Amino acid sequence: MTDSSDGLLKLFHPLVGQWFTEQVGTPTDIQGLAWPRISSGEHVLISAPTGSGKTLTAFLWALNQLITETWDSGATRVLYVSPLRALNNDIRRNLTRPLEELRRVFDASGEPFPDIHVLTRSGDTPASDRRKMMRRPPEILITTPESLNLMLSSAGGRGMLDGLETVILDEIHGVVDGKRGVHLMTAVERLVLLSGEFQRIALVGHRSAYGDNSGTGRRVYAGRHHTGQNPQCTAGDVDSFPGPKAVRGERAVSTGCRR
């Protein structure tokens, strides 16, 4: 491991860093760009090609916070929203396996490891499973924009979403210019009223989806000045905010805002 990779993994619990080194290897360029910003609480827009580790880039800090119980379990702390419902089960599998591996690493070291549940919620979710979620919310909830809006329309659904720490919005470049995008951004702002401010991490799949315009980022982060909770952070072009220059076509653009 290089010195820079070693320093990057020191952001995490030592056993999380050990697991990453043993099971994944060296952090990718986008992880090196994004993790310092995510760990400091900045809102981040990540643009990187498939295979660059975007999902783990977005989730690993949240997993670290749940594992170390910096964030209390027993409530939904991380909300992942994708307009592609077919992705949801894949994302759940991609989180369940690392969590199982991490539990084994912690158990072998005699370290406590909390129960961390990852569940999906969509139109296909049986009513019985939805009721179970309300009784015992998952720490990580994976859903679609449509299901999120349905949850916000019910008291039980809203009760699951009043303790969020991070919201991850994936593949949003496909919806930001349409009605689904409006509904999604409106839902995110409604979440602020329930949870207070939370960190926002947006993912787009490739550089061309981001391009040289700021439409995606502006929609994701616009409204920060409307809540009154972070008045120094206003909407604006993402490209105008400080952030690293692209590495191999990848971007982790800081909005200059913190939760």
Protein backbone atom coordinates (compact mmCIF):
# COMPACT_ATOMS: atom_id res chain seq x y z
CA MET A 1 0.00 0.00 0.00
CA THR A 2 1.27 3.47 -0.83
CA ASP A 3 1.68 6.14 1.82
CA SER A 4 -1.20 8.11 0.29
CA SER A 5 -3.50 5.07 0.39
CA ASP A 6 -2.49 4.35 3.97
CA GLY A 7 -3.26 7.92 4.96
CA LEU A 8 -6.60 7.80 3.18
CA LEU A 9 -7.70 4.62 4.97
CA LYS A 10 -6.76 6.15 8.32
CA LEU A 11 -9.97 8.16 7.95
CA PHE A 12 -11.78 4.94 8.86
CA HIS A 13 -11.78 2.59 11.84
CA PRO A 14 -8.56 0.51 11.67
CA LEU A 15 -10.49 -2.71 11.11
CA VAL A 16 -12.50 -1.12 8.28
CA GLY A 17 -9.21 -0.06 6.71
CA GLN A 18 -7.84 -3.58 7.20
CA TRP A 19 -10.90 -5.11 5.55
CA PHE A 20 -10.61 -2.73 2.60
CA THR A 21 -6.94 -3.55 2.06
CA GLU A 22 -7.52 -7.31 2.28
CA GLN A 23 -10.74 -7.54 0.29
CA VAL A 24 -10.64 -4.60 -2.12
CA GLY A 25 -7.06 -3.42 -2.37
CA THR A 26 -5.88 0.10 -3.12
CA PRO A 27 -8.39 2.98 -3.18
CA THR A 28 -9.30 4.19 -6.66
CA ASP A 29 -8.69 7.73 -7.83
CA ILE A 30 -12.30 8.72 -7.21
CA GLN A 31 -12.18 7.31 -3.68
CA GLY A 32 -9.05 9.32 -3.02
CA LEU A 33 -10.81 12.45 -4.20
CA ALA A 34 -14.14 11.88 -2.48
CA TRP A 35 -13.49 10.30 0.93
CA PRO A 36 -11.74 13.29 2.55
CA ARG A 37 -14.67 15.48 1.54
CA ILE A 38 -17.35 12.99 2.52
CA SER A 39 -15.71 12.37 5.90
CA SER A 40 -15.64 16.12 6.57
CA GLY A 41 -19.38 16.37 5.95
CA GLU A 42 -19.34 18.15 2.60
CA HIS A 43 -22.06 17.65 0.02
CA VAL A 44 -20.40 15.92 -2.94
CA LEU A 45 -21.22 15.23 -6.57
CA ILE A 46 -19.26 12.22 -7.85
CA SER A 47 -18.80 11.61 -11.56
CA ALA A 48 -16.86 8.50 -12.52
CA PRO A 49 -17.08 5.61 -14.99
CA THR A 50 -18.50 2.19 -14.22
CA GLY A 51 -16.01 0.00 -12.37
CA SER A 52 -14.36 2.85 -10.48
CA GLY A 53 -15.96 1.96 -7.15
CA LYS A 54 -18.62 4.67 -6.97
CA THR A 55 -20.98 2.66 -4.76
CA LEU A 56 -18.33 1.93 -2.14
CA THR A 57 -17.09 5.50 -2.49
CA ALA A 58 -20.51 6.77 -1.51
CA PHE A 59 -21.28 4.22 1.22
CA LEU A 60 -18.08 3.35 3.05
CA TRP A 61 -17.97 6.40 5.31
CA ALA A 62 -21.60 5.81 6.29
CA LEU A 63 -20.84 2.14 7.02
CA ASN A 64 -17.91 3.28 9.16
CA GLN A 65 -20.15 5.61 11.15
CA LEU A 66 -22.73 2.88 11.71
CA ILE A 67 -20.14 0.25 12.62
CA THR A 68 -18.45 2.53 15.16
CA GLU A 69 -21.91 3.56 16.46
CA THR A 70 -21.13 7.20 15.83
CA TRP A 71 -24.61 7.01 14.35
CA ASP A 72 -27.06 5.11 16.51
CA SER A 73 -28.62 1.98 15.07
CA GLY A 74 -32.31 1.15 15.22
CA ALA A 75 -33.32 3.93 12.83
CA THR A 76 -32.79 4.74 9.17
CA ARG A 77 -29.58 6.77 8.89
CA VAL A 78 -28.74 6.30 5.21
CA LEU A 79 -31.21 6.69 2.36
CA TYR A 80 -30.18 5.60 -1.14
CA VAL A 81 -32.45 6.67 -4.01
CA SER A 82 -32.13 5.55 -7.61
CA PRO A 83 -34.60 6.02 -10.47
CA LEU A 84 -33.53 2.58 -11.73
CA ARG A 85 -35.48 0.11 -9.64
CA ALA A 86 -33.50 -2.77 -11.15
CA LEU A 87 -30.40 -1.43 -9.37
CA ASN A 88 -31.88 -1.68 -5.91
CA ASN A 89 -31.38 -5.38 -5.28
CA ASP A 90 -27.87 -5.19 -6.72
CA ILE A 91 -27.02 -2.33 -4.36
CA ARG A 92 -28.39 -4.31 -1.43
CA ARG A 93 -26.23 -7.31 -2.35
CA ASN A 94 -23.23 -5.05 -2.83
CA LEU A 95 -23.68 -3.78 0.73
CA THR A 96 -24.67 -7.05 2.42
CA ARG A 97 -21.51 -8.87 1.39
CA PRO A 98 -19.08 -6.23 2.72
CA LEU A 99 -21.07 -5.99 5.95
CA GLU A 100 -20.82 -9.76 6.43
CA GLU A 101 -17.09 -9.64 5.76
CA LEU A 102 -16.62 -6.70 8.10
CA ARG A 103 -18.52 -8.48 10.86
CA ARG A 104 -16.14 -11.42 10.58
CA VAL A 105 -13.12 -9.11 10.79
CA PHE A 106 -14.51 -7.41 13.90
CA ASP A 107 -15.54 -10.71 15.50
CA ALA A 108 -12.06 -12.13 14.94
CA SER A 109 -10.59 -9.11 16.73
CA GLY A 110 -13.07 -9.29 19.60
CA GLU A 111 -14.55 -5.94 18.65
CA PRO A 112 -18.31 -5.26 18.89
CA PHE A 113 -20.26 -5.01 15.66
CA PRO A 114 -23.82 -3.63 15.69
CA ASP A 115 -26.73 -5.04 13.72
CA ILE A 116 -26.93 -3.08 10.46
CA HIS A 117 -29.92 -3.85 8.29
CA VAL A 118 -30.13 -3.05 4.58
CA LEU A 119 -33.59 -3.21 3.00
CA THR A 120 -35.25 -2.14 -0.23
CA ARG A 121 -38.58 -0.39 -0.58
CA SER A 122 -40.38 -0.23 -3.92
CA GLY A 123 -43.76 -0.90 -5.46
CA ASP A 124 -42.96 -4.61 -5.35
CA THR A 125 -42.37 -4.69 -1.59
CA PRO A 126 -45.11 -6.77 0.10
CA ALA A 127 -47.34 -4.95 2.58
CA SER A 128 -46.18 -7.26 5.36
CA ASP A 129 -42.56 -6.28 4.74
CA ARG A 130 -43.48 -2.60 4.75
CA ARG A 131 -45.13 -2.99 8.13
CA LYS A 132 -42.02 -4.74 9.47
CA MET A 133 -39.89 -1.83 8.25
CA MET A 134 -42.02 0.61 10.17
CA ARG A 135 -41.73 -1.44 13.34
CA ARG A 136 -37.98 -1.87 12.94
CA PRO A 137 -36.55 0.56 10.36
CA PRO A 138 -33.39 -0.53 8.53
CA GLU A 139 -30.24 1.50 9.09
CA ILE A 140 -29.86 1.68 5.30
CA LEU A 141 -32.94 2.02 3.11
CA ILE A 142 -32.79 1.64 -0.67
CA THR A 143 -35.68 3.02 -2.68
CA THR A 144 -36.90 4.86 -5.79
CA PRO A 145 -38.14 8.45 -6.18
CA GLU A 146 -41.73 7.22 -6.51
CA SER A 147 -41.60 5.07 -3.39
CA LEU A 148 -39.91 7.88 -1.47
CA ASN A 149 -42.77 10.22 -2.29
CA LEU A 150 -45.30 7.60 -1.23
CA MET A 151 -43.48 7.18 2.08
CA LEU A 152 -43.55 10.93 2.63
CA SER A 153 -47.31 10.90 2.13
CA SER A 154 -47.92 8.62 5.12
CA ALA A 155 -47.28 9.17 8.83
CA GLY A 156 -45.63 5.77 9.13
CA GLY A 157 -43.32 6.44 6.22
CA ARG A 158 -42.34 9.85 7.52
CA GLY A 159 -41.59 8.29 10.88
CA MET A 160 -38.91 6.15 9.24
CA LEU A 161 -37.19 9.16 7.71
CA ASP A 162 -36.79 11.56 10.62
CA GLY A 163 -33.23 10.63 11.60
CA LEU A 164 -31.27 10.67 8.34
CA GLU A 165 -27.56 11.40 8.29
CA THR A 166 -26.82 10.84 4.59
CA VAL A 167 -28.87 10.76 1.40
CA ILE A 168 -27.26 9.17 -1.67
CA LEU A 169 -28.81 9.99 -5.04
CA ASP A 170 -27.70 7.69 -7.86
CA GLU A 171 -28.12 7.98 -11.63
CA ILE A 172 -29.78 11.33 -11.16
CA HIS A 173 -28.61 12.74 -14.50
CA GLY A 174 -31.32 10.62 -16.09
CA VAL A 175 -34.17 12.39 -14.29
CA VAL A 176 -33.08 15.90 -13.29
CA ASP A 177 -34.61 17.56 -16.35
CA GLY A 178 -37.99 15.87 -16.10
CA LYS A 179 -40.98 15.47 -13.82
CA ARG A 180 -39.34 12.62 -11.89
CA GLY A 181 -36.43 14.91 -11.12
CA VAL A 182 -38.73 17.61 -9.81
CA HIS A 183 -40.49 15.09 -7.59
CA LEU A 184 -37.16 13.75 -6.35
CA MET A 185 -35.68 17.14 -5.50
CA THR A 186 -38.92 18.19 -3.81
CA ALA A 187 -38.88 14.99 -1.77
CA VAL A 188 -35.30 15.62 -0.68
CA GLU A 189 -36.24 19.08 0.56
CA ARG A 190 -39.19 17.62 2.45
CA LEU A 191 -36.76 15.22 4.12
CA VAL A 192 -34.83 18.19 5.50
CA LEU A 193 -37.95 19.27 7.36
CA LEU A 194 -38.16 15.82 8.96
CA SER A 195 -34.49 15.11 9.69
CA GLY A 196 -32.82 18.47 9.75
CA GLU A 197 -29.90 18.92 7.38
CA PHE A 198 -28.08 15.80 6.18
CA GLN A 199 -25.19 15.11 3.87
CA ARG A 200 -26.00 14.75 0.19
CA ILE A 201 -23.95 12.56 -2.12
CA ALA A 202 -24.94 12.47 -5.78
CA LEU A 203 -23.59 9.94 -8.28
CA VAL A 204 -23.48 10.13 -12.05
CA GLY A 205 -22.11 7.32 -14.15
CA HIS A 206 -19.72 9.03 -16.51
CA ARG A 207 -18.14 12.35 -17.33
CA SER A 208 -20.44 13.09 -20.24
CA ALA A 209 -23.43 12.86 -17.91
CA TYR A 210 -21.98 15.74 -15.95
CA GLY A 211 -20.47 17.58 -18.89
CA ASP A 212 -19.41 21.16 -18.45
CA ASN A 213 -22.72 22.43 -17.13
CA SER A 214 -23.87 22.48 -13.56
CA GLY A 215 -27.49 21.42 -14.02
CA THR A 216 -27.23 18.18 -12.09
CA GLY A 217 -25.36 19.64 -9.16
CA ARG A 218 -27.41 22.81 -9.04
CA ARG A 219 -30.62 20.80 -8.69
CA VAL A 220 -29.15 18.49 -6.06
CA TYR A 221 -27.82 21.25 -3.84
CA ALA A 222 -30.17 24.10 -4.63
CA GLY A 223 -32.40 25.04 -1.77
CA ARG A 224 -29.73 25.00 0.91
CA HIS A 225 -30.47 28.67 1.46
CA HIS A 226 -34.21 28.04 1.70
CA THR A 227 -34.08 25.90 4.84
CA GLY A 228 -32.41 28.53 6.99
CA GLN A 229 -30.19 25.84 8.49
CA ASN A 230 -27.09 26.65 6.49
CA PRO A 231 -27.55 30.24 5.33
CA GLN A 232 -23.97 30.73 4.17
CA CYS A 233 -24.41 28.01 1.58
CA THR A 234 -26.42 29.13 -1.42
CA ALA A 235 -27.33 27.59 -4.74
CA GLY A 236 -24.92 28.14 -7.57
CA ASP A 237 -22.99 26.49 -10.35
CA VAL A 238 -21.18 23.44 -9.05
CA ASP A 239 -18.19 24.29 -11.24
CA SER A 240 -17.83 27.57 -9.35
CA PHE A 241 -17.34 25.83 -6.01
CA PRO A 242 -13.87 24.71 -4.91
CA GLY A 243 -12.99 21.15 -5.78
CA PRO A 244 -10.24 19.02 -7.29
CA LYS A 245 -9.67 18.91 -11.00
CA ALA A 246 -10.64 15.72 -12.76
CA VAL A 247 -8.40 12.69 -12.54
CA ARG A 248 -8.73 10.31 -15.50
CA GLY A 249 -12.13 11.72 -16.29
CA GLU A 250 -13.35 11.38 -12.72
CA ARG A 251 -14.69 14.12 -10.49
CA ALA A 252 -15.56 14.45 -6.86
CA VAL A 253 -16.79 18.01 -6.79
CA SER A 254 -17.22 19.67 -3.44
CA THR A 255 -20.07 22.14 -3.30
CA GLY A 256 -18.27 24.16 -0.65
CA CYS A 257 -21.19 23.38 1.66
CA ARG A 258 -21.41 21.32 4.79
CA ARG A 259 -24.44 19.78 6.44
